Amino acid sequence: MNKLKRRSDMLSKRNVIIPLIALASLMCCFQLARDLVDVEKNLDYCVTQAGKTLAQINRDSVFPRDIEKDGKRWNFVRKEEWTSGFWPGILWYLYEYTGDAKWKIQADRFTGYLNPLTRRPAVDHDLGFQVFCSFGNGYRLSHDPGYKKAILRSADTLATLFNPKVGTILSWPFMIKKEKWPHNTIADNMMNLELLFWASKNGGSKSLYDIAVKHAETTMKNHFRADYSAYHVVLYDAASGKKIRGITYQGYSDESMWARGQAWTIYGYTVTYRETRDSRFLDFAQKLADVYIKRLPADLIPFWDFDDPEHGLKDASAAAITASALIELSTFVPDRTKAAQYFKLAGQMISELSSRHYQSRDSNSAFLLHTTGNKPANSGLDCSITYADYYYLESLIRLKRLAVNQTIYDYLR
């Protein structure tokens, strides 16, 4: 039986408080999203494409990362690369959708390859991506106690990068030597707080929760311009904790709004609200979403940087991340009109990503085309990439959950 067709009373089990007005609004407008997106058709498409990708993997302990523009075959990376957790995460989502044990076998296999990462000292903040997309989804769906232990170990390891004088996690320790940067925190780091929140509620130290909240608070204070657009990187004095300046590393300029960076923050503050129920974070997530939405082009898929005057490259990954975030954010917003607007926009974004303009289809075995990896480094230009595929699949899974009256987030996690 399709696992997503099982109804579950998650609200009563975990005493989850979701604003009922907003939730009722979403149920009223779900038909509109379904009219925009054929969820099962596109999930079946992902199943087919992932099967083609599996057929390309002929070595152990490698992970598909990207496919160059007009290319047919994946570039593979080792477990240490920051994107390694997305492929096993995709496999877990496919198992969740299909209930087919063959996907669980593959998900277990690729998740297992990442186990050494959970036993080494912290290298950078990306441990959250690597572990929570893989082991996190794995534990949610299998309840394997070994997975739980790996998550808890990783949370403790990630916490070692927290500087209490600054109030944030050090994102890129290697940049201290490479670029002579002091303590640095990047927008992407908001995504990895979920690992700490989960661990604090599932056997880990309460301090992990406190670190995540402090990181979110400090980032909220220092990482954003007056219009709520995000800097990619903020540099701090490690001794005093004072903000030095905001810069970019992957965007067009220090003062530009890099699309994927803004998407990470929308998603990250939505998660932070979910885990804290602190209205400051809900309000802030909406402000971040609103500036992003206001500047979108007609097809709702952003250019890689909103301020690049050439407007040549799109970033499907930013669209997929934001769509997934808006689906969840819409369940929390008490203003039913605004909640419905967010939900409708998410559906429109997913619809466009599901069109012939953005789905890979016969071009290659990825799900999506037209992602920009790192334009300043001339890397991953107009390519297919696993994190775009992961969040696209996640957004479809979330719509599927709503269709059977499940909550967006599975609180058994």
Protein backbone atom coordinates (compact mmCIF):
# COMPACT_ATOMS: atom_id res chain seq x y z
CA MET A 1 0.00 0.00 0.00
CA ASN A 2 1.22 3.54 -0.76
CA LYS A 3 2.44 4.78 2.60
CA LEU A 4 1.24 8.33 1.96
CA LYS A 5 -2.32 7.03 1.61
CA ARG A 6 -2.43 6.00 5.25
CA ARG A 7 -4.18 8.60 7.33
CA SER A 8 -2.48 9.49 10.59
CA ASP A 9 -3.59 11.66 13.47
CA MET A 10 -0.26 13.41 13.97
CA LEU A 11 -1.80 16.43 15.66
CA SER A 12 -3.16 14.50 18.60
CA LYS A 13 -0.15 12.19 18.89
CA ARG A 14 2.37 14.95 19.36
CA ASN A 15 0.15 17.82 20.50
CA VAL A 16 1.19 19.85 17.48
CA ILE A 17 -0.38 23.28 17.32
CA ILE A 18 -1.09 24.43 13.76
CA PRO A 19 -3.30 27.50 13.34
CA LEU A 20 -6.64 25.96 12.45
CA ILE A 21 -7.77 28.91 10.35
CA ALA A 22 -4.68 28.65 8.16
CA LEU A 23 -5.02 24.87 7.91
CA ALA A 24 -8.68 25.13 6.94
CA SER A 25 -7.73 27.68 4.32
CA LEU A 26 -5.19 25.29 2.85
CA MET A 27 -7.74 22.51 2.63
CA CYS A 28 -10.05 24.86 0.76
CA CYS A 29 -7.37 25.81 -1.75
CA PHE A 30 -5.75 22.39 -2.11
CA GLN A 31 -8.00 21.67 -5.08
CA LEU A 32 -6.49 24.72 -6.77
CA ALA A 33 -2.96 23.37 -6.23
CA ARG A 34 -4.06 19.97 -7.52
CA ASP A 35 -5.43 21.66 -10.63
CA LEU A 36 -2.02 23.27 -11.14
CA VAL A 37 0.09 20.19 -10.36
CA ASP A 38 -0.56 16.54 -11.10
CA VAL A 39 1.25 15.39 -7.99
CA GLU A 40 1.20 11.65 -8.57
CA LYS A 41 2.18 12.00 -12.23
CA ASN A 42 5.23 14.02 -11.25
CA LEU A 43 6.12 11.71 -8.37
CA ASP A 44 5.95 8.79 -10.79
CA TYR A 45 8.23 10.77 -13.11
CA CYS A 46 10.75 11.11 -10.27
CA VAL A 47 10.60 7.36 -9.66
CA THR A 48 11.39 6.69 -13.32
CA GLN A 49 14.24 9.20 -13.46
CA ALA A 50 15.81 7.92 -10.24
CA GLY A 51 15.78 4.41 -11.67
CA LYS A 52 17.82 5.66 -14.63
CA THR A 53 20.28 7.31 -12.23
CA LEU A 54 20.71 4.09 -10.24
CA ALA A 55 21.63 2.31 -13.46
CA GLN A 56 24.54 4.75 -13.92
CA ILE A 57 26.10 4.07 -10.51
CA ASN A 58 28.62 1.26 -10.85
CA ARG A 59 30.87 1.98 -7.86
CA ASP A 60 30.38 1.85 -4.10
CA SER A 61 30.37 4.95 -1.92
CA VAL A 62 29.85 7.56 -4.64
CA PHE A 63 26.95 9.95 -4.99
CA PRO A 64 25.45 11.70 -8.02
CA ARG A 65 26.03 15.44 -7.78
CA ASP A 66 25.37 17.22 -11.06
CA ILE A 67 25.01 16.87 -14.81
CA GLU A 68 26.56 19.55 -16.95
CA LYS A 69 24.46 21.51 -19.42
CA ASP A 70 23.51 19.30 -22.37
CA GLY A 71 25.21 16.37 -20.63
CA LYS A 72 23.77 12.90 -20.17
CA ARG A 73 25.75 11.43 -17.29
CA TRP A 74 26.12 12.37 -13.66
CA ASN A 75 29.31 13.67 -12.11
CA PHE A 76 29.87 11.60 -8.97
CA VAL A 77 31.41 12.72 -5.67
CA ARG A 78 32.66 11.03 -2.52
CA LYS A 79 30.89 11.15 0.82
CA GLU A 80 32.89 14.19 1.99
CA GLU A 81 31.32 16.51 -0.60
CA TRP A 82 28.57 18.70 0.89
CA THR A 83 25.86 17.40 -1.45
CA SER A 84 26.32 13.72 -0.57
CA GLY A 85 23.23 13.50 1.65
CA PHE A 86 20.73 14.56 -1.01
CA TRP A 87 20.80 11.36 -3.07
CA PRO A 88 20.03 9.04 -0.13
CA GLY A 89 17.39 11.57 0.93
CA ILE A 90 15.80 11.28 -2.51
CA LEU A 91 15.80 7.51 -2.19
CA TRP A 92 14.06 7.70 1.21
CA TYR A 93 11.39 9.99 -0.22
CA LEU A 94 10.82 7.56 -3.09
CA TYR A 95 10.41 4.75 -0.58
CA GLU A 96 7.95 6.88 1.36
CA TYR A 97 5.90 7.49 -1.79
CA THR A 98 5.95 4.02 -3.29
CA GLY A 99 6.28 1.75 -0.27
CA ASP A 100 8.48 -0.39 -2.51
CA ALA A 101 11.23 -2.16 -0.55
CA LYS A 102 13.70 -1.79 -3.42
CA TRP A 103 13.96 1.92 -2.68
CA LYS A 104 14.50 1.25 1.02
CA ILE A 105 17.33 -1.14 0.17
CA GLN A 106 19.03 1.52 -1.93
CA ALA A 107 18.36 4.24 0.63
CA ASP A 108 19.92 2.09 3.37
CA ARG A 109 22.89 1.39 1.13
CA PHE A 110 23.72 5.01 0.33
CA THR A 111 22.94 6.25 3.83
CA GLY A 112 25.36 3.68 5.19
CA TYR A 113 28.16 5.06 3.05
CA LEU A 114 27.85 8.33 5.01
CA ASN A 115 28.30 6.76 8.42
CA PRO A 116 32.01 7.73 8.73
CA LEU A 117 30.98 11.39 8.54
CA THR A 118 29.08 10.97 11.80
CA ARG A 119 32.22 9.81 13.62
CA ARG A 120 34.76 12.48 12.68
CA PRO A 121 35.37 16.02 14.00
CA ALA A 122 33.42 18.89 12.45
CA VAL A 123 34.76 20.11 9.12
CA ASP A 124 32.00 22.61 8.33
CA HIS A 125 28.29 23.27 8.85
CA ASP A 126 27.30 21.05 5.91
CA LEU A 127 27.20 18.06 8.24
CA GLY A 128 23.56 19.00 8.71
CA PHE A 129 22.77 18.59 5.02
CA GLN A 130 24.79 15.39 4.78
CA VAL A 131 23.24 13.70 7.80
CA PHE A 132 19.72 14.99 8.25
CA CYS A 133 18.61 14.54 4.64
CA SER A 134 19.87 10.95 4.74
CA PHE A 135 19.83 9.57 8.30
CA GLY A 136 17.02 11.94 9.30
CA ASN A 137 14.63 10.71 6.65
CA GLY A 138 15.90 7.20 7.20
CA TYR A 139 15.10 7.21 10.90
CA ARG A 140 11.72 8.82 10.28
CA LEU A 141 10.75 5.98 7.94
CA SER A 142 12.58 2.99 9.43
CA HIS A 143 13.11 3.79 13.14
CA ASP A 144 16.53 2.17 12.87
CA PRO A 145 18.20 2.88 16.26
CA GLY A 146 21.58 3.05 14.55
CA TYR A 147 20.33 5.97 12.48
CA LYS A 148 19.20 7.78 15.62
CA LYS A 149 22.62 7.35 17.20
CA ALA A 150 24.26 8.73 14.05
CA ILE A 151 22.02 11.80 14.10
CA LEU A 152 22.72 12.47 17.77
CA ARG A 153 26.48 12.10 17.26
CA SER A 154 26.35 14.49 14.33
CA ALA A 155 24.38 17.09 16.26
CA ASP A 156 26.97 17.09 19.02
CA THR A 157 29.70 17.42 16.40
CA LEU A 158 28.00 20.31 14.62
CA ALA A 159 27.59 22.08 17.97
CA THR A 160 31.37 22.19 18.42
CA LEU A 161 31.44 24.90 15.72
CA PHE A 162 29.26 27.22 17.80
CA ASN A 163 31.01 30.31 19.16
CA PRO A 164 29.07 31.62 22.19
CA LYS A 165 30.76 35.02 22.00
CA VAL A 166 29.47 35.49 18.46
CA GLY A 167 26.24 33.57 18.88
CA THR A 168 26.49 31.59 15.63
CA ILE A 169 27.93 28.39 14.22
CA LEU A 170 31.17 28.78 12.29
CA SER A 171 30.16 27.76 8.78
CA TRP A 172 33.45 27.40 6.93
CA PRO A 173 36.49 26.82 9.16
CA PHE A 174 38.66 26.35 6.05
CA MET A 175 38.00 29.94 4.99
CA ILE A 176 39.90 31.22 8.01
CA LYS A 177 43.06 30.00 6.32
CA LYS A 178 42.04 30.18 2.67
CA GLU A 179 40.60 33.72 2.61
CA LYS A 180 41.90 35.00 5.96
CA TRP A 181 38.32 35.35 7.10
CA PRO A 182 37.55 35.46 10.83
CA HIS A 183 34.47 33.72 12.23
CA ASN A 184 32.07 33.38 9.28
CA THR A 185 28.44 32.38 9.04
CA ILE A 186 26.61 31.79 5.77
CA ALA A 187 22.92 31.97 4.92
CA ASP A 188 22.89 28.24 4.13
CA ASN A 189 23.64 27.47 7.78
CA MET A 190 20.02 28.20 8.72
CA MET A 191 19.13 24.90 7.05
CA ASN A 192 21.27 22.90 9.44
CA LEU A 193 19.62 24.07 12.64
CA GLU A 194 16.96 21.41 12.10
CA LEU A 195 19.50 18.74 13.03
CA LEU A 196 20.10 20.45 16.38
CA PHE A 197 16.42 20.98 17.09
CA TRP A 198 15.63 17.35 16.38
CA ALA A 199 18.47 16.02 18.50
CA SER A 200 17.52 18.20 21.48
CA LYS A 201 14.03 16.64 21.45
CA ASN A 202 15.13 13.05 20.84
CA GLY A 203 17.69 12.27 23.49
CA GLY A 204 20.29 14.96 22.90
CA SER A 205 21.28 17.83 25.15
CA LYS A 206 18.92 20.76 25.72
CA SER A 207 21.91 22.96 24.87
CA LEU A 208 21.50 21.96 21.22
CA TYR A 209 18.12 23.68 21.17
CA ASP A 210 19.61 26.77 22.79
CA ILE A 211 22.43 26.88 20.22
CA ALA A 212 19.97 26.67 17.35
CA VAL A 213 17.79 29.44 18.75
CA LYS A 214 20.76 31.70 19.46
CA HIS A 215 22.13 31.14 15.96
CA ALA A 216 18.74 32.08 14.47
CA GLU A 217 18.47 35.18 16.66
CA THR A 218 21.98 36.40 15.88
CA THR A 219 21.53 35.74 12.18
CA MET A 220 18.21 37.57 12.20
CA LYS A 221 19.93 40.59 13.73
CA ASN A 222 23.01 40.72 11.50
CA HIS A 223 22.48 38.86 8.25
CA PHE A 224 19.83 40.96 6.53
CA ARG A 225 19.54 44.34 4.87
CA ALA A 226 16.77 46.84 5.55
CA ASP A 227 14.61 45.25 2.82
CA TYR A 228 15.08 41.77 4.36
CA SER A 229 17.33 40.49 1.59
CA ALA A 230 20.13 38.28 2.88
CA TYR A 231 23.86 38.59 2.72
CA HIS A 232 25.43 35.30 1.75
CA VAL A 233 28.19 35.60 4.37
CA VAL A 234 28.60 37.64 7.53
CA LEU A 235 32.03 37.99 9.11
CA TYR A 236 32.38 38.40 12.87
CA ASP A 237 35.21 39.15 15.25
CA ALA A 238 35.64 35.80 16.98
CA ALA A 239 36.77 37.34 20.26
CA SER A 240 34.27 40.17 20.71
CA GLY A 241 31.39 38.79 18.66
CA LYS A 242 31.04 42.08 16.80
CA LYS A 243 29.78 41.99 13.23
CA ILE A 244 32.48 43.11 10.80
CA ARG A 245 30.61 43.13 7.49
CA GLY A 246 28.32 41.25 5.16
CA ILE A 247 29.68 39.92 1.88
CA THR A 248 28.88 37.38 -0.81
CA TYR A 249 30.75 34.37 -2.05
CA GLN A 250 28.32 32.89 -4.53
CA GLY A 251 26.16 35.87 -5.44
CA TYR A 252 26.59 38.69 -7.97
CA SER A 253 27.95 41.26 -5.50
CA ASP A 254 28.17 41.97 -1.80
CA GLU A 255 24.91 43.92 -1.91
CA SER A 256 22.94 41.68 -4.27
CA MET A 257 20.21 39.20 -3.38
CA TRP A 258 21.51 35.76 -4.28
CA ALA A 259 18.44 33.66 -4.99
CA ARG A 260 19.43 30.40 -3.34
CA GLY A 261 20.75 32.17 -0.25
CA GLN A 262 17.40 33.90 0.22
CA ALA A 263 15.65 30.57 -0.31
CA TRP A 264 17.75 28.90 2.39
CA THR A 265 16.74 31.58 4.88
CA ILE A 266 13.01 31.38 4.08
CA TYR A 267 13.13 27.64 4.67
CA GLY A 268 15.38 27.91 7.73
CA TYR A 269 13.22 30.44 9.58
CA THR A 270 10.09 28.47 8.77
CA VAL A 271 11.70 25.45 10.44
CA THR A 272 12.83 27.61 13.36
CA TYR A 273 9.27 28.76 13.93
CA ARG A 274 8.00 25.19 13.69
CA GLU A 275 10.43 24.07 16.38
CA THR A 276 10.11 27.06 18.73
CA ARG A 277 6.61 28.46 18.11
CA ASP A 278 8.20 31.87 18.66
CA SER A 279 6.16 34.40 16.65
CA ARG A 280 9.28 36.46 15.93
CA PHE A 281 10.49 33.75 13.60
CA LEU A 282 7.12 33.34 11.86
CA ASP A 283 6.97 37.07 11.19
CA PHE A 284 10.54 37.08 9.94
CA ALA A 285 10.06 34.11 7.62
CA GLN A 286 7.19 35.98 5.97
CA LYS A 287 9.29 39.10 5.48
CA LEU A 288 12.03 37.04 3.84
CA ALA A 289 9.49 35.31 1.61
CA ASP A 290 7.77 38.54 0.65
CA VAL A 291 10.90 40.27 -0.67
CA TYR A 292 11.76 37.15 -2.66
CA ILE A 293 8.26 36.86 -4.12
CA LYS A 294 8.06 40.56 -4.95
CA ARG A 295 11.10 40.33 -7.23
CA LEU A 296 10.28 37.12 -9.07
CA PRO A 297 10.01 37.07 -12.88
CA ALA A 298 6.78 36.08 -14.59
CA ASP A 299 7.46 32.33 -14.53
CA LEU A 300 8.23 32.41 -10.77
CA ILE A 301 11.62 30.75 -11.27
CA PRO A 302 14.28 33.22 -10.13
CA PHE A 303 17.41 34.20 -11.92
CA TRP A 304 20.45 32.96 -10.02
CA ASP A 305 20.85 36.43 -8.48
CA PHE A 306 18.04 38.97 -8.48
CA ASP A 307 20.51 41.80 -9.09
CA ASP A 308 22.52 40.34 -11.95
CA PRO A 309 21.79 42.82 -14.78
CA GLU A 310 22.26 40.15 -17.46
CA HIS A 311 19.43 37.96 -16.09
CA GLY A 312 20.82 35.10 -18.11
CA LEU A 313 20.86 32.11 -15.76
CA LYS A 314 17.93 30.69 -13.85
CA ASP A 315 18.13 28.70 -10.61
CA ALA A 316 15.59 25.91 -10.38
CA SER A 317 17.07 24.86 -7.04
CA ALA A 318 16.10 28.17 -5.42
CA ALA A 319 12.57 27.74 -6.77
CA ALA A 320 12.30 24.18 -5.42
CA ILE A 321 13.62 25.14 -1.97
CA THR A 322 11.26 28.10 -1.75
CA ALA A 323 8.24 26.14 -2.97
CA SER A 324 8.79 23.50 -0.31
CA ALA A 325 9.26 26.19 2.34
CA LEU A 326 6.13 28.10 1.29
CA ILE A 327 4.00 24.97 1.54
CA GLU A 328 5.01 24.58 5.18
CA LEU A 329 4.96 28.30 5.92
CA SER A 330 1.39 28.50 4.66
CA THR A 331 0.29 26.05 7.36
CA PHE A 332 1.50 28.41 10.07
CA VAL A 333 0.34 31.83 8.84
CA PRO A 334 -2.82 32.84 10.75
CA ASP A 335 -3.97 35.27 8.04
CA ARG A 336 -5.92 32.84 5.86
CA THR A 337 -5.72 35.09 2.81
CA LYS A 338 -1.95 35.33 3.00
CA ALA A 339 -1.64 31.63 3.79
CA ALA A 340 -3.64 30.82 0.67
CA GLN A 341 -1.48 33.16 -1.40
CA TYR A 342 1.70 31.40 -0.24
CA PHE A 343 0.16 28.01 -0.95
CA LYS A 344 -1.01 29.04 -4.41
CA LEU A 345 2.39 30.48 -5.26
CA ALA A 346 4.07 27.26 -4.16
CA GLY A 347 1.74 25.32 -6.43
CA GLN A 348 2.49 27.63 -9.35
CA MET A 349 6.23 27.27 -8.77
CA ILE A 350 5.99 23.48 -8.70
CA SER A 351 3.79 23.56 -11.79
CA GLU A 352 6.42 25.52 -13.70
CA LEU A 353 9.21 23.25 -12.48
CA SER A 354 7.11 20.33 -13.70
CA SER A 355 6.79 21.76 -17.20
CA ARG A 356 8.81 20.84 -20.25
CA HIS A 357 10.88 23.97 -19.66
CA TYR A 358 12.35 22.69 -16.39
CA GLN A 359 11.91 18.91 -16.15
CA SER A 360 14.88 16.98 -17.51
CA ARG A 361 12.76 14.22 -19.08
CA ASP A 362 14.75 12.65 -21.92
CA SER A 363 17.61 15.15 -21.65
CA ASN A 364 19.19 13.27 -18.74
CA SER A 365 18.20 11.23 -15.69
CA ALA A 366 17.92 14.12 -13.22
CA PHE A 367 14.52 15.54 -12.30
CA LEU A 368 15.19 19.18 -13.23
CA LEU A 369 17.22 21.36 -15.58
CA HIS A 370 18.44 24.96 -15.24
CA THR A 371 20.10 25.20 -11.85
CA THR A 372 23.02 27.54 -11.22
CA GLY A 373 25.57 26.10 -8.81
CA ASN A 374 28.29 28.70 -8.25
CA LYS A 375 28.32 31.39 -10.93
CA PRO A 376 31.32 33.38 -9.58
CA ALA A 377 33.40 30.19 -9.66
CA ASN A 378 32.08 29.36 -13.14
CA SER A 379 30.85 26.04 -11.74
CA GLY A 380 27.56 24.33 -12.35
CA LEU A 381 26.13 26.74 -14.89
CA ASP A 382 22.66 25.87 -16.21
CA CYS A 383 23.04 22.31 -14.94
CA SER A 384 21.03 19.60 -13.23
CA ILE A 385 21.94 19.10 -9.57
CA THR A 386 20.85 16.85 -6.71
CA TYR A 387 19.71 19.50 -4.25
CA ALA A 388 17.29 20.94 -6.83
CA ASP A 389 15.92 17.43 -7.31
CA TYR A 390 15.72 16.77 -3.55
CA TYR A 391 13.64 19.84 -2.72
CA TYR A 392 11.47 19.42 -5.82
CA LEU A 393 10.65 15.88 -4.69
CA GLU A 394 10.12 17.07 -1.12
CA SER A 395 7.62 19.71 -2.29
CA LEU A 396 5.65 17.05 -4.18
CA ILE A 397 5.69 14.76 -1.14
CA ARG A 398 4.39 17.63 0.99
CA LEU A 399 1.52 18.26 -1.41
CA LYS A 400 0.78 14.55 -1.35
CA ARG A 401 0.60 14.56 2.44
CA LEU A 402 -1.89 17.40 2.41
CA ALA A 403 -4.00 15.48 -0.07
CA VAL A 404 -4.55 12.73 2.52
CA ASN A 405 -4.99 15.11 5.47
CA GLN A 406 -1.54 14.50 6.93
CA THR A 407 0.56 17.29 8.34
CA ILE A 408 3.35 18.70 6.18
CA TYR A 409 5.97 17.64 8.67
CA ASP A 410 5.98 14.14 10.06
CA TYR A 411 6.31 14.64 13.80
CA LEU A 412 7.32 11.04 14.40
CA ARG A 413 10.70 12.19 13.12
